[in-house]
């Protein structure tokens, strides 16, 4: 091993730099327009950076000192050191070779402490490329991500490579949020971060599902069986309803703070021509999670975990907003009971309105303005806490009109819904306390996290790629990507390198 002094290294880098300068000083460059110069410098500049990185790695290899003691987790020492062992690394500048010492023992995998010093990934592609894939794959399809990385770096990845890198990039999502200190629901003085009193801010939990079209091998068993038994009506495309057995449900969860804003039923159902709408609760510190591999119960548990991290002493009122899904309500009650928590479950008003509108068309011709007044009056009654009375009135009107079973079906469905959900339609308390009563946040999250990305025309997802993209999109939506990436690199070092040495201590030269 020779000691490299000042000026001894970076020979290739210096030569490449001089060639760039020579090009810019020459006749060829003098005849180019600026766009041509940009293109040429982009290509030459990448090669310069690749050469400089390669020179630096060679210099580190030249300066690597032999270590006295290198021991694996089982306490087996590596008694022989061999220099000149190489591995490839595809960086954001192109491929380079990493040369380092290998510490060896019979029938044992080699150890490379220099790899740990560089925190090299287990695979060929660098963490820089992995980060670019994480960013681009969260924005658009894997095909467009591959093209974007090619344009930015000149490195051409395969689609499967990009999917694998995205999956690796999202590996620490759950652990990151488990250890992260979230925005506190209460400050040290019991006031909220915005300066209000504890009773002026609620902690809201919400969850919903959105189907994702999957490849056959990624479907849940029951769905896969139904898909296999289905007979398509057309040979060339799916007909209406046939995509149902091609989807797997992704569950999205949200936790956020809501500044309470008391309102009246008239404020909610105000005639837009009569007055300005009364502002509703203002939401802050929104946190999202999503999963297509975990079931709804697991995601709901994760939402409760986040809420407890924010408000461990439950100094806030906890509101759970749901769309009426029975499983969500059951899991909410089970989680709250298991944790000894008090939660107020509120069914989304918009879903109630949809049932009322469906019932209205049993009594009014399609498009009749009188239906709007009818729905408004019943919605105000529901907001006044009279859901059971409204349900009874709908049934009486259907019977009085002599509607046949098929004609009155939506009226009976609406009445059944109001009666079944009545325990969760305590809108008088919600409005008086200023709580939110609509699931717009979680529905918007389903559109943003799932539909906008996962419903790209023709997309058929595998489990790993779908789960990774959902988590990467959640990180970016939460504004946590940069913090997550630093944590991810620390975890990579622990997994890939520290785990291979005794007590997790990577040996270094004294």
Protein backbone atom coordinates (compact mmCIF):
# COMPACT_ATOMS: atom_id res chain seq x y z
CA UNK A 1 0.00 0.00 0.00
CA UNK A 2 1.35 3.39 -0.93
CA UNK A 3 0.51 6.63 0.77
CA UNK A 4 -1.01 9.11 -1.67
CA UNK A 5 0.14 12.65 -1.14
CA UNK A 6 -1.33 15.89 -2.43
CA UNK A 7 -1.71 15.78 -6.17
CA UNK A 8 -1.10 11.99 -6.41
CA UNK A 9 -4.75 11.07 -6.78
CA UNK A 10 -7.57 12.10 -9.08
CA UNK A 11 -5.49 11.62 -12.22
CA UNK A 12 -8.47 10.48 -14.29
CA UNK A 13 -10.63 13.25 -12.87
CA UNK A 14 -8.05 15.91 -13.71
CA UNK A 15 -7.65 14.55 -17.23
CA UNK A 16 -11.40 14.58 -17.75
CA UNK A 17 -11.66 18.11 -16.41
CA UNK A 18 -8.96 19.27 -18.77
CA UNK A 19 -10.77 17.63 -21.67
CA UNK A 20 -13.94 19.53 -20.77
CA UNK A 21 -12.04 22.79 -20.60
CA UNK A 22 -10.32 21.97 -23.88
CA UNK A 23 -13.68 21.35 -25.52
CA UNK A 24 -15.10 24.65 -24.24
CA UNK A 25 -11.98 26.51 -25.44
CA UNK A 26 -12.09 24.88 -28.88
CA UNK A 27 -13.66 25.60 -32.23
CA UNK A 28 -16.42 22.98 -31.88
CA UNK A 29 -17.91 24.64 -28.79
CA UNK A 30 -17.44 28.10 -30.31
CA UNK A 31 -19.83 27.16 -33.11
CA UNK A 32 -22.60 25.83 -30.82
CA UNK A 33 -25.75 27.52 -29.65
CA UNK A 34 -26.35 27.59 -25.92
CA UNK A 35 -28.83 24.67 -26.00
CA UNK A 36 -26.24 22.48 -27.69
CA UNK A 37 -23.64 23.57 -25.14
CA UNK A 38 -25.97 22.66 -22.29
CA UNK A 39 -26.56 19.20 -23.70
CA UNK A 40 -22.87 18.53 -24.30
CA UNK A 41 -21.82 19.86 -20.89
CA UNK A 42 -24.53 17.77 -19.21
CA UNK A 43 -23.05 14.59 -20.68
CA UNK A 44 -19.42 15.56 -20.13
CA UNK A 45 -20.18 16.85 -16.65
CA UNK A 46 -21.67 13.54 -15.57
CA UNK A 47 -18.58 11.73 -16.78
CA UNK A 48 -16.38 14.19 -14.89
CA UNK A 49 -18.32 13.56 -11.67
CA UNK A 50 -18.16 9.80 -12.21
CA UNK A 51 -14.39 9.97 -12.68
CA UNK A 52 -13.96 12.11 -9.57
CA UNK A 53 -16.04 9.68 -7.52
CA UNK A 54 -14.04 6.74 -8.89
CA UNK A 55 -10.77 8.51 -8.09
CA UNK A 56 -11.92 9.22 -4.55
CA UNK A 57 -12.89 5.58 -4.02
CA UNK A 58 -9.51 4.47 -5.36
CA UNK A 59 -7.80 6.87 -2.97
CA UNK A 60 -9.73 5.44 -0.03
CA UNK A 61 -8.76 1.94 -1.12
CA UNK A 62 -5.12 2.97 -1.32
CA UNK A 63 -5.25 4.46 2.17
CA UNK A 64 -7.18 1.61 3.82
CA UNK A 65 -5.18 0.25 6.72
CA UNK A 66 -5.19 -3.34 7.86
CA UNK A 67 -7.25 -3.87 11.00
CA UNK A 68 -6.04 -6.01 13.87
CA UNK A 69 -9.39 -7.48 14.90
CA UNK A 70 -12.47 -8.07 12.77
CA UNK A 71 -15.08 -10.34 14.38
CA UNK A 72 -18.53 -11.42 13.27
CA UNK A 73 -21.65 -11.51 15.54
CA UNK A 74 -20.94 -15.12 16.54
CA UNK A 75 -17.51 -14.12 17.82
CA UNK A 76 -15.62 -15.74 14.95
CA UNK A 77 -12.56 -13.64 14.06
CA UNK A 78 -11.45 -12.96 10.51
CA UNK A 79 -7.78 -13.86 10.68
CA UNK A 80 -6.79 -13.18 7.08
CA UNK A 81 -7.02 -9.89 5.18
CA UNK A 82 -6.80 -9.69 1.40
CA UNK A 83 -6.62 -6.45 -0.53
CA UNK A 84 -7.94 -5.90 -4.04
CA UNK A 85 -11.47 -7.22 -3.58
CA UNK A 86 -13.89 -5.25 -5.75
CA UNK A 87 -17.59 -4.65 -6.17
CA UNK A 88 -19.59 -2.53 -8.59
CA UNK A 89 -21.65 0.46 -7.55
CA UNK A 90 -24.05 2.20 -9.91
CA UNK A 91 -24.15 5.78 -8.69
CA UNK A 92 -26.14 8.79 -9.88
CA UNK A 93 -23.14 9.61 -12.08
CA UNK A 94 -22.72 6.12 -13.55
CA UNK A 95 -21.01 2.89 -12.59
CA UNK A 96 -17.81 2.87 -10.50
CA UNK A 97 -15.75 0.15 -8.86
CA UNK A 98 -15.17 0.00 -5.11
CA UNK A 99 -11.93 -1.70 -4.12
CA UNK A 100 -11.34 -2.69 -0.48
CA UNK A 101 -9.88 -5.29 1.86
CA UNK A 102 -11.76 -8.50 2.58
CA UNK A 103 -11.40 -10.09 6.01
CA UNK A 104 -11.76 -13.84 5.68
CA UNK A 105 -12.26 -17.01 7.70
CA UNK A 106 -12.90 -20.60 6.56
CA UNK A 107 -16.55 -21.33 5.66
CA UNK A 108 -17.56 -17.78 6.58
CA UNK A 109 -18.70 -14.87 4.45
CA UNK A 110 -16.12 -12.16 3.93
CA UNK A 111 -16.36 -8.94 5.91
CA UNK A 112 -15.54 -5.55 4.39
CA UNK A 113 -15.28 -2.78 7.01
CA UNK A 114 -14.63 -0.24 4.25
CA UNK A 115 -18.10 -0.97 2.87
CA UNK A 116 -19.53 -0.03 6.25
CA UNK A 117 -17.54 3.22 6.29
CA UNK A 118 -19.17 4.10 2.97
CA UNK A 119 -22.55 2.67 4.07
CA UNK A 120 -22.81 0.89 0.74
CA UNK A 121 -26.14 -0.74 -0.09
CA UNK A 122 -26.49 -4.49 -0.32
CA UNK A 123 -27.51 -4.22 -3.97
CA UNK A 124 -25.61 -2.68 -6.86
CA UNK A 125 -27.50 0.63 -7.04
CA UNK A 126 -26.51 3.50 -4.77
CA UNK A 127 -28.65 5.13 -2.13
CA UNK A 128 -28.68 8.24 -4.30
CA UNK A 129 -30.38 6.31 -7.09
CA UNK A 130 -32.73 4.72 -4.60
CA UNK A 131 -33.72 8.18 -3.37
CA UNK A 132 -34.41 9.38 -6.91
CA UNK A 133 -36.56 6.32 -7.56
CA UNK A 134 -38.46 6.97 -4.33
CA UNK A 135 -39.22 10.52 -5.42
CA UNK A 136 -40.12 9.76 -9.02
CA UNK A 137 -42.09 6.56 -8.37
CA UNK A 138 -44.26 8.43 -5.87
CA UNK A 139 -45.08 10.98 -8.58
CA UNK A 140 -45.89 8.80 -11.57
CA UNK A 141 -45.63 5.36 -13.09
CA UNK A 142 -42.49 3.26 -12.85
CA UNK A 143 -42.04 3.74 -16.59
CA UNK A 144 -42.03 7.52 -16.25
CA UNK A 145 -39.77 7.22 -13.17
CA UNK A 146 -37.23 5.22 -15.20
CA UNK A 147 -37.32 7.82 -17.98
CA UNK A 148 -36.97 10.73 -15.53
CA UNK A 149 -33.91 9.15 -13.88
CA UNK A 150 -32.37 8.45 -17.27
CA UNK A 151 -32.81 12.12 -18.22
CA UNK A 152 -31.42 13.39 -14.93
CA UNK A 153 -28.48 11.02 -14.50
CA UNK A 154 -27.88 9.11 -17.71
CA UNK A 155 -28.37 5.86 -15.75
CA UNK A 156 -30.90 3.51 -17.34
CA UNK A 157 -32.76 1.29 -14.88
CA UNK A 158 -35.10 -1.55 -15.69
CA UNK A 159 -38.70 -1.26 -14.54
CA UNK A 160 -38.30 -4.20 -12.16
CA UNK A 161 -35.13 -2.65 -10.76
CA UNK A 162 -36.99 0.59 -10.13
CA UNK A 163 -39.79 -1.26 -8.36
CA UNK A 164 -37.27 -3.14 -6.20
CA UNK A 165 -35.51 0.13 -5.28
CA UNK A 166 -38.82 1.77 -4.38
CA UNK A 167 -39.68 -1.20 -2.18
CA UNK A 168 -36.33 -0.94 -0.42
CA UNK A 169 -36.77 2.82 -0.02
CA UNK A 170 -40.07 2.38 1.86
CA UNK A 171 -38.84 -0.39 4.17
CA UNK A 172 -38.58 1.76 7.32
CA UNK A 173 -41.90 3.61 7.10
CA UNK A 174 -43.54 1.95 10.12
CA UNK A 175 -40.40 2.06 12.27
CA UNK A 176 -39.84 5.74 11.42
CA UNK A 177 -43.25 6.77 12.65
CA UNK A 178 -43.07 4.48 15.68
CA UNK A 179 -40.00 6.35 16.96
CA UNK A 180 -40.81 9.83 15.64
CA UNK A 181 -42.00 12.52 18.01
CA UNK A 182 -45.21 13.79 16.41
CA UNK A 183 -46.84 17.23 16.82
CA UNK A 184 -48.15 17.36 20.37
CA UNK A 185 -51.88 17.71 20.90
CA UNK A 186 -51.06 19.75 24.00
CA UNK A 187 -48.10 21.85 24.96
CA UNK A 188 -46.36 21.87 28.33
CA UNK A 189 -48.88 24.45 29.58
CA UNK A 190 -51.88 22.48 28.34
CA UNK A 191 -52.48 24.82 25.42
CA UNK A 192 -52.56 23.74 21.81
CA UNK A 193 -49.63 24.59 19.50
CA UNK A 194 -51.64 27.46 18.01
CA UNK A 195 -52.30 29.06 21.39
CA UNK A 196 -55.84 27.84 22.15
CA UNK A 197 -57.13 26.08 25.24
CA UNK A 198 -57.30 22.25 25.28
CA UNK A 199 -61.09 22.19 24.82
CA UNK A 200 -60.78 24.32 21.69
CA UNK A 201 -59.04 21.62 19.69
CA UNK A 202 -60.09 18.04 18.92
CA UNK A 203 -57.94 15.14 17.80
CA UNK A 204 -59.56 13.51 14.78
CA UNK A 205 -59.04 9.94 13.56
CA UNK A 206 -60.41 8.72 10.26
CA UNK A 207 -59.99 5.82 7.85
CA UNK A 208 -61.40 4.59 4.57
CA UNK A 209 -60.66 2.13 1.78
CA UNK A 210 -59.97 2.36 -1.92
CA UNK A 211 -59.62 -0.55 -4.35
CA UNK A 212 -56.43 -1.08 -6.33
CA UNK A 213 -56.33 -3.22 -9.46
CA UNK A 214 -53.81 -5.99 -8.78
CA UNK A 215 -52.02 -8.68 -10.71
CA UNK A 216 -53.66 -12.10 -10.16
CA UNK A 217 -50.88 -13.31 -7.84
CA UNK A 218 -51.36 -10.27 -5.57
CA UNK A 219 -55.07 -10.71 -4.91
CA UNK A 220 -56.40 -11.95 -1.59
CA UNK A 221 -57.45 -15.64 -1.77
CA UNK A 222 -61.20 -15.04 -1.88
CA UNK A 223 -60.87 -12.36 -4.57
CA UNK A 224 -58.46 -14.48 -6.58
CA UNK A 225 -60.92 -17.39 -6.48
CA UNK A 226 -63.79 -15.18 -7.65
CA UNK A 227 -61.63 -13.74 -10.43
CA UNK A 228 -60.62 -17.22 -11.59
CA UNK A 229 -64.23 -18.38 -11.69
CA UNK A 230 -65.50 -15.27 -13.52
CA UNK A 231 -66.33 -15.55 -17.21
CA UNK A 232 -65.73 -12.26 -19.08
CA UNK A 233 -68.57 -11.08 -21.30
CA UNK A 234 -66.14 -9.73 -23.89
CA UNK A 235 -62.85 -11.13 -25.10
CA UNK A 236 -61.03 -7.83 -25.49
CA UNK A 237 -61.99 -5.86 -22.38
CA UNK A 238 -63.68 -5.97 -19.00
CA UNK A 239 -67.36 -5.09 -18.87
CA UNK A 240 -69.11 -3.09 -16.17
CA UNK A 241 -68.71 -4.76 -12.78
CA UNK A 242 -66.07 -7.24 -13.90
CA UNK A 243 -63.16 -5.27 -12.45
CA UNK A 244 -64.57 -5.91 -8.98
CA UNK A 245 -62.76 -9.21 -8.73
CA UNK A 246 -59.46 -7.70 -9.86
CA UNK A 247 -58.99 -5.33 -6.94
CA UNK A 248 -57.46 -5.46 -3.50
CA UNK A 249 -58.51 -2.92 -0.90
CA UNK A 250 -55.99 -0.33 0.24
CA UNK A 251 -56.80 1.15 3.64
CA UNK A 252 -55.94 4.79 4.27
CA UNK A 253 -55.76 6.33 7.75
CA UNK A 254 -55.49 9.90 8.97
CA UNK A 255 -54.88 11.72 12.24
CA UNK A 256 -55.12 15.50 12.53
CA UNK A 257 -55.94 18.34 14.87
CA UNK A 258 -59.15 20.31 14.35
CA UNK A 259 -59.75 23.74 15.84
CA UNK A 260 -63.33 23.51 17.09
CA UNK A 261 -65.92 25.77 15.44
CA UNK A 262 -69.44 25.55 16.92
CA UNK A 263 -72.23 25.70 14.35
CA UNK A 264 -75.97 25.16 14.02
CA UNK A 265 -77.95 22.90 11.64
CA UNK A 266 -78.89 26.03 9.75
CA UNK A 267 -75.21 26.84 9.26
CA UNK A 268 -74.60 23.41 7.74
CA UNK A 269 -77.64 23.41 5.45
CA UNK A 270 -77.67 27.13 4.74
CA UNK A 271 -79.11 28.35 1.46
CA UNK A 272 -76.04 29.57 -0.45
CA UNK A 273 -78.09 32.47 -1.82
CA UNK A 274 -79.04 33.75 1.62
CA UNK A 275 -75.74 34.02 3.47
CA UNK A 276 -72.06 33.20 3.47
CA UNK A 277 -71.29 29.68 4.76
CA UNK A 278 -70.17 29.56 8.36
CA UNK A 279 -66.51 28.42 8.51
CA UNK A 280 -66.06 24.91 9.81
CA UNK A 281 -63.27 23.45 11.98
CA UNK A 282 -59.76 24.23 10.72
CA UNK A 283 -57.50 21.18 10.41
CA UNK A 284 -53.75 21.18 11.08
CA UNK A 285 -50.87 18.70 11.50
CA UNK A 286 -52.39 16.08 9.22
CA UNK A 287 -50.69 12.67 9.20
CA UNK A 288 -51.52 9.95 6.68
CA UNK A 289 -50.76 6.28 6.36
CA UNK A 290 -51.85 3.68 3.83
CA UNK A 291 -51.40 0.00 3.16
CA UNK A 292 -52.55 -2.56 0.63
CA UNK A 293 -50.85 -5.48 2.40
CA UNK A 294 -52.13 -4.89 5.93
CA UNK A 295 -55.81 -5.42 6.70
CA UNK A 296 -58.11 -2.65 7.89
CA UNK A 297 -57.73 -3.68 11.54
CA UNK A 298 -53.96 -3.24 11.37
CA UNK A 299 -54.19 0.21 9.75
CA UNK A 300 -56.80 1.32 12.28
CA UNK A 301 -54.49 0.18 15.08
CA UNK A 302 -51.68 2.25 13.50
CA UNK A 303 -53.96 5.29 13.44
CA UNK A 304 -54.69 4.82 17.15
CA UNK A 305 -50.94 4.45 17.79
CA UNK A 306 -50.29 7.80 16.12
CA UNK A 307 -53.10 9.43 18.05
CA UNK A 308 -51.71 8.12 21.33
CA UNK A 309 -48.25 9.39 20.47
CA UNK A 310 -49.76 12.82 19.96
CA UNK A 311 -52.01 12.80 23.01
CA UNK A 312 -50.86 10.07 25.42
CA UNK A 313 -52.95 11.41 28.32
CA UNK A 314 -56.00 11.99 26.11
CA UNK A 315 -56.35 15.63 27.08
CA UNK A 316 -58.16 16.28 23.82
CA UNK A 317 -61.54 15.02 22.76
CA UNK A 318 -60.99 12.23 20.27
CA UNK A 319 -63.35 12.18 17.31
CA UNK A 320 -63.48 9.21 14.94
CA UNK A 321 -65.04 10.11 11.60
CA UNK A 322 -66.30 7.15 9.55
CA UNK A 323 -68.52 6.72 6.50
CA UNK A 324 -70.77 4.22 8.26
CA UNK A 325 -68.79 1.08 7.42
CA UNK A 326 -69.69 -1.46 10.11
CA UNK A 327 -66.23 -3.05 10.23
CA UNK A 328 -64.61 0.35 10.79
CA UNK A 329 -67.02 1.07 13.62
CA UNK A 330 -66.45 -2.34 15.20
CA UNK A 331 -62.66 -1.99 15.02
CA UNK A 332 -62.85 1.55 16.42
CA UNK A 333 -64.82 0.36 19.42
CA UNK A 334 -62.48 -2.59 19.93
CA UNK A 335 -59.32 -0.47 19.77
CA UNK A 336 -60.74 2.15 22.13
CA UNK A 337 -61.83 -0.51 24.63
CA UNK A 338 -58.49 -2.33 24.50
CA UNK A 339 -56.62 0.92 25.16
CA UNK A 340 -59.03 2.30 27.77
CA UNK A 341 -59.85 5.33 25.62
CA UNK A 342 -62.99 7.37 25.18
CA UNK A 343 -63.83 8.25 21.58
CA UNK A 344 -66.81 9.87 19.94
CA UNK A 345 -67.72 8.09 16.70
CA UNK A 346 -69.41 10.34 14.16
CA UNK A 347 -70.80 9.15 10.82
CA UNK A 348 -70.08 11.43 7.89
CA UNK A 349 -72.99 13.76 7.12
CA UNK A 350 -72.33 13.61 3.37
CA UNK A 351 -73.11 9.89 3.37
CA UNK A 352 -76.37 10.63 5.19
CA UNK A 353 -77.24 13.19 2.53
CA UNK A 354 -76.59 10.66 -0.21
CA UNK A 355 -79.13 8.29 1.34
CA UNK A 356 -81.66 11.11 1.70
CA UNK A 357 -81.23 12.10 -1.94
CA UNK A 358 -81.69 8.49 -3.05
CA UNK A 359 -84.92 8.38 -1.01
CA UNK A 360 -86.08 11.70 -2.47
CA UNK A 361 -86.28 10.28 -5.98
CA UNK A 362 -88.79 7.74 -4.73
CA UNK A 363 -91.18 10.67 -4.13
CA UNK A 364 -90.25 13.29 -6.70
CA UNK A 365 -89.65 13.27 -10.45
CA UNK A 366 -85.97 13.35 -11.38
CA UNK A 367 -84.78 16.97 -11.35
CA UNK A 368 -87.76 18.35 -9.40
CA UNK A 369 -86.56 21.37 -7.32
CA UNK A 370 -89.00 20.35 -4.58
CA UNK A 371 -86.73 17.39 -3.84
CA UNK A 372 -83.99 19.79 -2.73
CA UNK A 373 -86.25 21.40 -0.14
CA UNK A 374 -87.39 17.97 1.04
CA UNK A 375 -83.81 16.76 1.52
CA UNK A 376 -82.79 19.99 3.26
CA UNK A 377 -85.66 19.78 5.75
CA UNK A 378 -84.86 16.17 6.62
CA UNK A 379 -81.14 16.88 6.85
CA UNK A 380 -81.81 19.67 9.33
CA UNK A 381 -83.99 17.29 11.34
CA UNK A 382 -81.17 14.70 11.40
CA UNK A 383 -78.75 17.43 12.48
CA UNK A 384 -81.22 18.26 15.27
CA UNK A 385 -80.87 14.68 16.52
CA UNK A 386 -84.11 13.34 15.03
CA UNK A 387 -82.75 10.60 12.76
CA UNK A 388 -85.23 7.98 14.02
CA UNK A 389 -88.13 10.36 13.46
CA UNK A 390 -86.93 11.12 9.94
CA UNK A 391 -86.64 7.39 9.19
CA UNK A 392 -90.20 6.79 10.38
CA UNK A 393 -91.46 9.69 8.28
CA UNK A 394 -89.78 8.32 5.14
CA UNK A 395 -91.45 4.94 5.64
CA UNK A 396 -94.86 6.53 6.27
CA UNK A 397 -94.62 8.62 3.11
CA UNK A 398 -93.67 5.58 1.02
CA UNK A 399 -96.60 3.60 2.46
CA UNK A 400 -99.04 6.49 2.05
CA UNK A 401 -98.00 6.90 -1.59
CA UNK A 402 -98.69 3.21 -2.17
CA UNK A 403 -95.23 2.63 -3.64
CA UNK A 404 -94.44 -0.90 -4.74
CA UNK A 405 -91.40 -2.67 -3.29
CA UNK A 406 -89.12 -1.85 -6.20
CA UNK A 407 -90.11 1.81 -6.26
CA UNK A 408 -89.70 2.33 -2.50
CA UNK A 409 -86.47 0.35 -2.15
CA UNK A 410 -84.20 3.42 -1.77
CA UNK A 411 -86.62 4.98 0.73
CA UNK A 412 -86.51 1.86 2.91
CA UNK A 413 -82.73 1.66 2.53
CA UNK A 414 -82.37 5.26 3.72
CA UNK A 415 -84.66 4.61 6.70
CA UNK A 416 -82.73 1.44 7.62
CA UNK A 417 -79.45 3.38 7.41
CA UNK A 418 -80.66 6.18 9.68
CA UNK A 419 -81.93 3.72 12.27
CA UNK A 420 -78.78 1.56 12.18
CA UNK A 421 -76.42 4.53 12.42
CA UNK A 422 -78.48 6.55 14.90
CA UNK A 423 -76.00 5.96 17.76
CA UNK A 424 -73.35 7.69 15.66
CA UNK A 425 -75.52 10.56 14.41
CA UNK A 426 -75.27 12.72 17.53
CA UNK A 427 -74.88 15.83 15.45
CA UNK A 428 -76.32 18.18 18.13
CA UNK A 429 -73.35 17.42 20.40
CA UNK A 430 -70.90 17.56 17.50
CA UNK A 431 -72.15 20.93 16.26
CA UNK A 432 -72.37 22.42 19.75
CA UNK A 433 -68.80 21.32 20.52
CA UNK A 434 -67.53 22.47 17.13
CA UNK A 435 -66.38 19.07 15.89
CA UNK A 436 -66.00 18.21 12.21
CA UNK A 437 -68.86 16.04 10.87
CA UNK A 438 -67.61 15.20 7.37
CA UNK A 439 -64.93 12.80 6.15
CA UNK A 440 -63.52 15.10 3.49
CA UNK A 441 -59.96 14.78 4.80
CA UNK A 442 -59.80 11.00 4.50
CA UNK A 443 -61.70 10.95 1.20
CA UNK A 444 -59.27 13.48 -0.20
CA UNK A 445 -56.41 11.33 1.08
CA UNK A 446 -57.85 8.28 -0.70
CA UNK A 447 -57.95 10.24 -3.94
CA UNK A 448 -54.47 11.68 -3.49
CA UNK A 449 -52.61 8.67 -2.11
CA UNK A 450 -54.41 5.92 -3.99
CA UNK A 451 -56.55 6.95 -6.93
CA UNK A 452 -54.32 9.63 -8.46
CA UNK A 453 -51.35 7.27 -8.60
CA UNK A 454 -52.66 3.71 -8.47
CA UNK A 455 -55.48 4.14 -10.98
CA UNK A 456 -53.22 5.01 -13.89
CA UNK A 457 -54.77 3.52 -17.01
CA UNK A 458 -53.67 -0.06 -17.55
CA UNK A 459 -51.82 -0.35 -14.22
CA UNK A 460 -51.79 -3.79 -12.61
CA UNK A 461 -49.96 -3.83 -9.31
CA UNK A 462 -47.84 -6.32 -7.44
CA UNK A 463 -47.96 -6.21 -3.65
CA UNK A 464 -44.43 -4.92 -3.09
CA UNK A 465 -44.62 -2.08 -5.58
CA UNK A 466 -48.11 -0.98 -4.51
CA UNK A 467 -47.23 -0.95 -0.82
CA UNK A 468 -44.01 0.97 -1.43
CA UNK A 469 -45.68 3.64 -3.55
CA UNK A 470 -48.46 4.16 -1.00
CA UNK A 471 -45.95 4.65 1.80
CA UNK A 472 -43.70 6.94 -0.23
CA UNK A 473 -46.68 9.08 -1.21
CA UNK A 474 -47.76 9.25 2.44
CA UNK A 475 -44.28 10.39 3.47
CA UNK A 476 -44.30 13.19 0.92
CA UNK A 477 -47.85 14.20 1.81
CA UNK A 478 -46.87 14.33 5.49
CA UNK A 479 -43.84 16.48 4.68
CA UNK A 480 -41.57 13.90 6.32
CA UNK A 481 -39.58 12.56 3.38
CA UNK A 482 -36.24 14.25 4.16
CA UNK A 483 -36.37 13.30 7.85
CA UNK A 484 -37.39 9.79 6.87
CA UNK A 485 -34.51 9.47 4.43
CA UNK A 486 -31.93 10.31 7.08
CA UNK A 487 -33.52 7.72 9.35
CA UNK A 488 -33.64 5.19 6.50
CA UNK A 489 -29.90 5.55 5.82
CA UNK A 490 -29.17 5.03 9.52
CA UNK A 491 -31.29 1.89 9.48
CA UNK A 492 -29.55 0.70 6.33
CA UNK A 493 -26.20 1.01 8.07
CA UNK A 494 -27.53 -1.00 11.01
CA UNK A 495 -29.10 -3.71 8.83
CA UNK A 496 -26.46 -4.11 6.16
CA UNK A 497 -23.29 -3.48 8.13
CA UNK A 498 -23.53 -3.25 11.92
CA UNK A 499 -25.48 -6.53 12.07
CA UNK A 500 -22.44 -8.33 10.61
CA UNK A 501 -20.06 -7.46 13.43
CA UNK A 502 -19.69 -8.44 17.07
CA UNK A 503 -21.94 -6.27 19.26
CA UNK A 504 -22.72 -4.18 16.20
CA UNK A 505 -19.36 -2.45 16.47
CA UNK A 506 -17.74 -1.82 13.09
CA UNK A 507 -13.95 -1.94 13.53
CA UNK A 508 -11.93 1.08 12.52
CA UNK A 509 -8.23 1.86 12.42
CA UNK A 510 -6.86 3.29 15.64
